[in-house]
């Protein structure tokens, strides 16, 4: 099992940057692929980005390509989401998630992830 705690959310203006962190407990963090999702009221949780256990393979939703970067530091049991050029439509609660997909596969839907953090609010004002 792995427990996840997000941090780094806040209130920023359009065009600003934020870096979210997700700290994981457990010695098996290195074996988990990680994902960042976001959710707004009344909408389903949607993938933002995902990264393989090694960090070699990444996935980005079209809406964030070129602006967001997912990375991980397995020595620190932490995954990051660097968010640049933020827009009001990026406003959401951001969650990190973990699971162990087959080699070469990255899960991109919320129902494929078993472990979740509590979420961190990101608000981008116009």
N, C-alpha and C. Protein backbone atom coordinates (compact mmCIF):
# COMPACT_ATOMS: atom_id res chain seq x y z
N UNK A 1 0.83 -1.19 0.00
CA UNK A 1 0.00 0.00 0.00
C UNK A 1 0.87 1.24 0.00
N UNK A 2 0.26 2.34 -0.42
CA UNK A 2 0.96 3.61 -0.41
C UNK A 2 -0.03 4.69 0.02
N UNK A 3 0.45 5.63 0.83
CA UNK A 3 -0.37 6.76 1.24
C UNK A 3 0.20 8.01 0.60
N UNK A 4 -0.70 8.89 0.13
CA UNK A 4 -0.30 10.04 -0.66
C UNK A 4 -0.79 11.33 -0.02
N UNK A 5 0.07 12.35 -0.01
CA UNK A 5 -0.29 13.65 0.54
C UNK A 5 0.16 14.73 -0.43
N UNK A 6 -0.82 15.47 -0.96
CA UNK A 6 -0.51 16.56 -1.88
C UNK A 6 -0.25 17.87 -1.14
N UNK A 7 0.52 18.73 -1.77
CA UNK A 7 0.74 20.08 -1.25
C UNK A 7 1.09 20.99 -2.41
N UNK A 8 1.06 22.30 -2.14
CA UNK A 8 1.50 23.27 -3.13
C UNK A 8 0.40 24.03 -3.83
N UNK A 9 -0.85 23.70 -3.56
CA UNK A 9 -1.93 24.44 -4.18
C UNK A 9 -2.04 25.85 -3.62
N UNK A 10 -2.89 26.65 -4.26
CA UNK A 10 -3.08 28.00 -3.78
C UNK A 10 -3.84 28.85 -4.78
N UNK A 11 -3.88 30.14 -4.49
CA UNK A 11 -4.55 31.12 -5.35
C UNK A 11 -3.49 31.91 -6.11
N UNK A 12 -3.58 31.88 -7.44
CA UNK A 12 -2.63 32.59 -8.28
C UNK A 12 -3.39 33.33 -9.37
N UNK A 13 -2.65 34.16 -10.11
CA UNK A 13 -3.26 34.90 -11.21
C UNK A 13 -2.95 34.22 -12.55
N UNK A 14 -3.73 34.56 -13.53
CA UNK A 14 -3.50 34.04 -14.88
C UNK A 14 -2.06 34.30 -15.31
N UNK A 15 -1.44 33.24 -15.83
CA UNK A 15 -0.05 33.34 -16.28
C UNK A 15 0.98 32.96 -15.25
N UNK A 16 0.57 32.81 -14.02
CA UNK A 16 1.50 32.44 -12.96
C UNK A 16 1.84 30.96 -13.03
N UNK A 17 2.76 30.55 -12.15
CA UNK A 17 3.18 29.14 -12.06
C UNK A 17 2.96 28.63 -10.65
N UNK A 18 2.77 27.33 -10.55
CA UNK A 18 2.70 26.63 -9.28
C UNK A 18 3.35 25.28 -9.45
N UNK A 19 3.92 24.77 -8.38
CA UNK A 19 4.40 23.40 -8.39
C UNK A 19 3.71 22.62 -7.29
N UNK A 20 2.99 21.58 -7.70
CA UNK A 20 2.36 20.69 -6.75
C UNK A 20 3.32 19.54 -6.43
N UNK A 21 3.25 19.10 -5.19
CA UNK A 21 4.03 17.95 -4.76
C UNK A 21 3.10 16.90 -4.19
N UNK A 22 3.50 15.66 -4.35
CA UNK A 22 2.75 14.54 -3.77
C UNK A 22 3.77 13.63 -3.11
N UNK A 23 3.73 13.61 -1.79
CA UNK A 23 4.65 12.78 -1.02
C UNK A 23 3.99 11.44 -0.71
N UNK A 24 4.73 10.37 -0.97
CA UNK A 24 4.21 9.03 -0.78
C UNK A 24 4.93 8.34 0.37
N UNK A 25 4.17 7.58 1.13
CA UNK A 25 4.78 6.77 2.18
C UNK A 25 5.04 5.38 1.62
N UNK A 26 5.90 4.64 2.28
CA UNK A 26 6.13 3.27 1.87
C UNK A 26 7.38 3.10 1.04
N UNK A 27 8.02 1.96 1.20
CA UNK A 27 9.27 1.69 0.52
C UNK A 27 9.09 1.22 -0.91
N UNK A 28 7.82 1.01 -1.31
CA UNK A 28 7.57 0.49 -2.65
C UNK A 28 7.16 1.57 -3.64
N UNK A 29 7.37 2.83 -3.27
CA UNK A 29 6.96 3.93 -4.15
C UNK A 29 7.53 3.76 -5.54
N UNK A 30 8.75 3.29 -5.62
CA UNK A 30 9.43 3.19 -6.91
C UNK A 30 8.69 2.25 -7.86
N UNK A 31 7.88 1.37 -7.34
CA UNK A 31 7.19 0.41 -8.21
C UNK A 31 5.85 0.93 -8.74
N UNK A 32 5.46 2.14 -8.32
CA UNK A 32 4.15 2.68 -8.69
C UNK A 32 4.26 3.70 -9.81
N UNK A 33 3.37 3.56 -10.79
CA UNK A 33 3.14 4.66 -11.71
C UNK A 33 2.25 5.69 -11.00
N UNK A 34 2.43 6.94 -11.34
CA UNK A 34 1.72 8.02 -10.65
C UNK A 34 0.93 8.87 -11.63
N UNK A 35 -0.18 9.38 -11.16
CA UNK A 35 -0.98 10.27 -12.00
C UNK A 35 -1.43 11.48 -11.22
N UNK A 36 -1.63 12.56 -11.94
CA UNK A 36 -2.28 13.76 -11.40
C UNK A 36 -3.63 13.91 -12.10
N UNK A 37 -4.66 14.12 -11.30
CA UNK A 37 -6.01 14.34 -11.80
C UNK A 37 -6.51 15.67 -11.26
N UNK A 38 -7.57 16.17 -11.86
CA UNK A 38 -8.22 17.36 -11.32
C UNK A 38 -9.73 17.22 -11.45
N UNK A 39 -10.41 17.93 -10.56
CA UNK A 39 -11.87 17.82 -10.51
C UNK A 39 -12.48 19.16 -10.14
N UNK A 40 -13.52 19.53 -10.86
CA UNK A 40 -14.31 20.71 -10.54
C UNK A 40 -15.71 20.26 -10.15
N UNK A 41 -16.44 21.10 -9.43
CA UNK A 41 -17.77 20.69 -8.95
C UNK A 41 -18.67 20.24 -10.09
N UNK A 42 -19.31 19.10 -9.89
CA UNK A 42 -20.25 18.58 -10.86
C UNK A 42 -19.65 17.84 -12.02
N UNK A 43 -18.32 17.75 -12.03
CA UNK A 43 -17.65 17.06 -13.14
C UNK A 43 -16.84 15.88 -12.62
N UNK A 44 -16.59 14.95 -13.50
CA UNK A 44 -15.80 13.78 -13.14
C UNK A 44 -14.33 14.16 -12.99
N UNK A 45 -13.62 13.35 -12.22
CA UNK A 45 -12.19 13.54 -12.07
C UNK A 45 -11.50 13.21 -13.39
N UNK A 46 -10.64 14.10 -13.86
CA UNK A 46 -10.03 13.94 -15.18
C UNK A 46 -8.51 13.90 -15.08
N UNK A 47 -7.91 13.10 -15.92
CA UNK A 47 -6.45 12.99 -15.95
C UNK A 47 -5.83 14.31 -16.38
N UNK A 48 -4.74 14.65 -15.72
CA UNK A 48 -3.93 15.79 -16.11
C UNK A 48 -2.61 15.29 -16.70
N UNK A 49 -1.95 14.39 -15.96
CA UNK A 49 -0.68 13.86 -16.41
C UNK A 49 -0.41 12.56 -15.66
N UNK A 50 0.45 11.73 -16.23
CA UNK A 50 0.84 10.49 -15.59
C UNK A 50 2.30 10.21 -15.90
N UNK A 51 2.94 9.42 -15.04
CA UNK A 51 4.35 9.13 -15.22
C UNK A 51 4.61 7.70 -14.79
N UNK A 52 5.45 7.01 -15.53
CA UNK A 52 5.78 5.63 -15.21
C UNK A 52 6.67 5.55 -13.97
N UNK A 53 6.86 4.34 -13.47
CA UNK A 53 7.66 4.19 -12.25
C UNK A 53 9.08 4.70 -12.44
N UNK A 54 9.59 4.56 -13.65
CA UNK A 54 10.97 4.98 -13.92
C UNK A 54 11.08 6.46 -14.26
N UNK A 55 9.96 7.07 -14.59
CA UNK A 55 10.00 8.46 -15.04
C UNK A 55 10.25 8.61 -16.52
N UNK A 56 10.48 7.53 -17.21
CA UNK A 56 10.82 7.60 -18.63
C UNK A 56 9.60 7.92 -19.49
N UNK A 57 8.47 7.35 -19.11
CA UNK A 57 7.25 7.53 -19.91
C UNK A 57 6.31 8.48 -19.20
N UNK A 58 5.78 9.44 -19.96
CA UNK A 58 4.82 10.39 -19.41
C UNK A 58 3.63 10.53 -20.35
N UNK A 59 2.55 11.03 -19.79
CA UNK A 59 1.33 11.29 -20.54
C UNK A 59 0.77 12.62 -20.08
N UNK A 60 0.23 13.40 -21.02
CA UNK A 60 -0.39 14.67 -20.68
C UNK A 60 -1.73 14.79 -21.39
N UNK A 61 -2.69 15.34 -20.67
CA UNK A 61 -3.94 15.71 -21.31
C UNK A 61 -3.68 16.84 -22.30
N UNK A 62 -4.45 16.88 -23.36
CA UNK A 62 -4.25 17.89 -24.40
C UNK A 62 -4.31 19.31 -23.82
N UNK A 63 -5.17 19.50 -22.84
CA UNK A 63 -5.38 20.85 -22.30
C UNK A 63 -4.16 21.40 -21.58
N UNK A 64 -3.22 20.54 -21.20
CA UNK A 64 -2.07 21.01 -20.41
C UNK A 64 -0.74 20.80 -21.12
N UNK A 65 -0.76 20.17 -22.28
CA UNK A 65 0.49 19.91 -23.01
C UNK A 65 1.23 21.22 -23.28
N UNK A 66 2.52 21.20 -23.00
CA UNK A 66 3.34 22.38 -23.23
C UNK A 66 3.33 23.36 -22.06
N UNK A 67 2.43 23.18 -21.10
CA UNK A 67 2.37 24.08 -19.94
C UNK A 67 2.71 23.36 -18.63
N UNK A 68 2.32 22.11 -18.51
CA UNK A 68 2.53 21.35 -17.29
C UNK A 68 3.61 20.29 -17.52
N UNK A 69 4.36 20.00 -16.47
CA UNK A 69 5.37 18.95 -16.52
C UNK A 69 5.27 18.08 -15.28
N UNK A 70 5.16 16.79 -15.49
CA UNK A 70 5.15 15.84 -14.39
C UNK A 70 6.55 15.25 -14.25
N UNK A 71 6.97 15.07 -13.02
CA UNK A 71 8.28 14.46 -12.76
C UNK A 71 8.22 13.74 -11.42
N UNK A 72 9.22 12.96 -11.15
CA UNK A 72 9.27 12.23 -9.88
C UNK A 72 10.69 12.11 -9.40
N UNK A 73 10.82 12.03 -8.09
CA UNK A 73 12.11 11.79 -7.45
C UNK A 73 11.92 10.56 -6.57
N UNK A 74 12.33 9.42 -7.06
CA UNK A 74 12.09 8.18 -6.31
C UNK A 74 12.89 8.13 -5.02
N UNK A 75 14.00 8.84 -4.96
CA UNK A 75 14.77 8.88 -3.71
C UNK A 75 14.02 9.63 -2.62
N UNK A 76 13.14 10.55 -3.03
CA UNK A 76 12.36 11.34 -2.07
C UNK A 76 10.91 10.88 -1.98
N UNK A 77 10.57 9.82 -2.70
CA UNK A 77 9.19 9.32 -2.70
C UNK A 77 8.19 10.42 -3.05
N UNK A 78 8.53 11.22 -4.02
CA UNK A 78 7.70 12.38 -4.34
C UNK A 78 7.50 12.51 -5.85
N UNK A 79 6.30 12.88 -6.22
CA UNK A 79 6.00 13.20 -7.61
C UNK A 79 5.56 14.67 -7.66
N UNK A 80 5.91 15.34 -8.74
CA UNK A 80 5.67 16.77 -8.86
C UNK A 80 4.81 17.06 -10.09
N UNK A 81 4.12 18.18 -10.03
CA UNK A 81 3.44 18.70 -11.20
C UNK A 81 3.77 20.18 -11.29
N UNK A 82 4.65 20.52 -12.23
CA UNK A 82 5.00 21.91 -12.48
C UNK A 82 3.96 22.49 -13.44
N UNK A 83 3.29 23.53 -13.01
CA UNK A 83 2.22 24.13 -13.81
C UNK A 83 2.61 25.56 -14.16
N UNK A 84 2.79 25.80 -15.44
CA UNK A 84 3.16 27.13 -15.93
C UNK A 84 2.03 27.71 -16.77
N UNK A 85 2.08 29.01 -16.96
CA UNK A 85 1.08 29.71 -17.79
C UNK A 85 -0.34 29.30 -17.39
N UNK A 86 -0.61 29.39 -16.12
CA UNK A 86 -1.91 28.93 -15.62
C UNK A 86 -3.04 29.79 -16.15
N UNK A 87 -4.18 29.13 -16.35
CA UNK A 87 -5.38 29.77 -16.88
C UNK A 87 -6.53 29.57 -15.89
N UNK A 88 -7.53 30.42 -15.95
CA UNK A 88 -8.69 30.23 -15.05
C UNK A 88 -9.31 28.84 -15.18
N UNK A 89 -9.29 28.27 -16.37
CA UNK A 89 -9.87 26.94 -16.56
C UNK A 89 -9.05 25.82 -15.92
N UNK A 90 -7.88 26.15 -15.40
CA UNK A 90 -7.09 25.17 -14.64
C UNK A 90 -7.55 25.10 -13.18
N UNK A 91 -8.45 25.98 -12.79
CA UNK A 91 -8.96 25.96 -11.42
C UNK A 91 -9.66 24.64 -11.14
N UNK A 92 -9.25 23.98 -10.06
CA UNK A 92 -9.79 22.66 -9.71
C UNK A 92 -9.13 22.19 -8.43
N UNK A 93 -9.66 21.10 -7.90
CA UNK A 93 -8.95 20.35 -6.87
C UNK A 93 -8.07 19.33 -7.59
N UNK A 94 -6.80 19.33 -7.26
CA UNK A 94 -5.84 18.43 -7.90
C UNK A 94 -5.52 17.28 -6.96
N UNK A 95 -5.57 16.07 -7.51
CA UNK A 95 -5.31 14.86 -6.76
C UNK A 95 -4.14 14.09 -7.39
N UNK A 96 -3.32 13.49 -6.55
CA UNK A 96 -2.38 12.53 -7.10
C UNK A 96 -2.88 11.13 -6.81
N UNK A 97 -2.45 10.22 -7.63
CA UNK A 97 -2.91 8.84 -7.55
C UNK A 97 -1.78 7.91 -7.91
N UNK A 98 -1.89 6.67 -7.41
CA UNK A 98 -0.83 5.69 -7.64
C UNK A 98 -1.44 4.34 -7.97
N UNK A 99 -0.75 3.62 -8.82
CA UNK A 99 -1.11 2.23 -9.09
C UNK A 99 0.06 1.55 -9.80
N UNK A 100 -0.11 0.26 -10.03
CA UNK A 100 0.97 -0.51 -10.67
C UNK A 100 0.44 -1.17 -11.93
N UNK A 101 0.47 -0.44 -13.04
CA UNK A 101 -0.01 -1.00 -14.29
C UNK A 101 1.01 -1.97 -14.89
N UNK A 102 0.61 -2.73 -15.87
CA UNK A 102 1.58 -3.60 -16.57
C UNK A 102 2.69 -2.76 -17.19
N UNK A 103 3.84 -3.37 -17.38
CA UNK A 103 4.96 -2.66 -17.99
C UNK A 103 4.56 -2.04 -19.32
N UNK A 104 4.97 -0.79 -19.52
CA UNK A 104 4.70 -0.10 -20.77
C UNK A 104 3.33 0.53 -20.85
N UNK A 105 2.56 0.42 -19.78
CA UNK A 105 1.20 0.97 -19.77
C UNK A 105 1.12 2.10 -18.76
N UNK A 106 0.43 3.16 -19.11
CA UNK A 106 0.11 4.22 -18.17
C UNK A 106 -1.41 4.34 -18.08
N UNK A 107 -1.93 4.25 -16.89
CA UNK A 107 -3.36 4.42 -16.71
C UNK A 107 -3.74 5.88 -16.86
N UNK A 108 -4.86 6.14 -17.52
CA UNK A 108 -5.28 7.52 -17.74
C UNK A 108 -6.71 7.79 -17.28
N UNK A 109 -7.34 6.82 -16.65
CA UNK A 109 -8.68 7.05 -16.12
C UNK A 109 -8.68 6.81 -14.62
N UNK A 110 -9.53 7.54 -13.92
CA UNK A 110 -9.50 7.51 -12.46
C UNK A 110 -9.83 6.14 -11.89
N UNK A 111 -10.68 5.39 -12.57
CA UNK A 111 -11.07 4.09 -12.00
C UNK A 111 -9.96 3.06 -12.09
N UNK A 112 -8.86 3.39 -12.76
CA UNK A 112 -7.74 2.46 -12.85
C UNK A 112 -6.73 2.64 -11.72
N UNK A 113 -6.91 3.68 -10.93
CA UNK A 113 -5.98 3.96 -9.83
C UNK A 113 -6.60 3.54 -8.50
N UNK A 114 -5.81 2.89 -7.69
CA UNK A 114 -6.31 2.39 -6.41
C UNK A 114 -6.03 3.33 -5.24
N UNK A 115 -4.98 4.15 -5.33
CA UNK A 115 -4.56 4.95 -4.19
C UNK A 115 -4.62 6.42 -4.55
N UNK A 116 -5.18 7.21 -3.60
CA UNK A 116 -5.43 8.62 -3.85
C UNK A 116 -5.01 9.48 -2.66
N UNK A 117 -4.58 10.69 -2.97
CA UNK A 117 -4.37 11.68 -1.93
C UNK A 117 -5.67 12.41 -1.64
N UNK A 118 -5.59 13.38 -0.73
CA UNK A 118 -6.79 14.09 -0.28
C UNK A 118 -7.12 15.28 -1.16
N UNK A 119 -6.20 15.68 -2.02
CA UNK A 119 -6.44 16.78 -2.94
C UNK A 119 -5.92 18.10 -2.44
N UNK A 120 -5.58 18.97 -3.38
CA UNK A 120 -5.15 20.32 -3.05
C UNK A 120 -5.80 21.29 -4.04
N UNK A 121 -6.33 22.39 -3.53
CA UNK A 121 -7.08 23.33 -4.35
C UNK A 121 -6.12 24.26 -5.10
N UNK A 122 -6.38 24.40 -6.37
CA UNK A 122 -5.68 25.38 -7.20
C UNK A 122 -6.73 26.31 -7.78
N UNK A 123 -6.56 27.60 -7.53
CA UNK A 123 -7.48 28.60 -8.03
C UNK A 123 -6.70 29.63 -8.83
N UNK A 124 -7.11 29.83 -10.07
CA UNK A 124 -6.44 30.78 -10.96
C UNK A 124 -7.43 31.91 -11.25
N UNK A 125 -7.08 33.09 -10.81
CA UNK A 125 -7.96 34.23 -11.04
C UNK A 125 -7.63 34.91 -12.36
N UNK A 126 -8.66 35.49 -12.97
CA UNK A 126 -8.47 36.15 -14.27
C UNK A 126 -8.10 37.62 -14.09
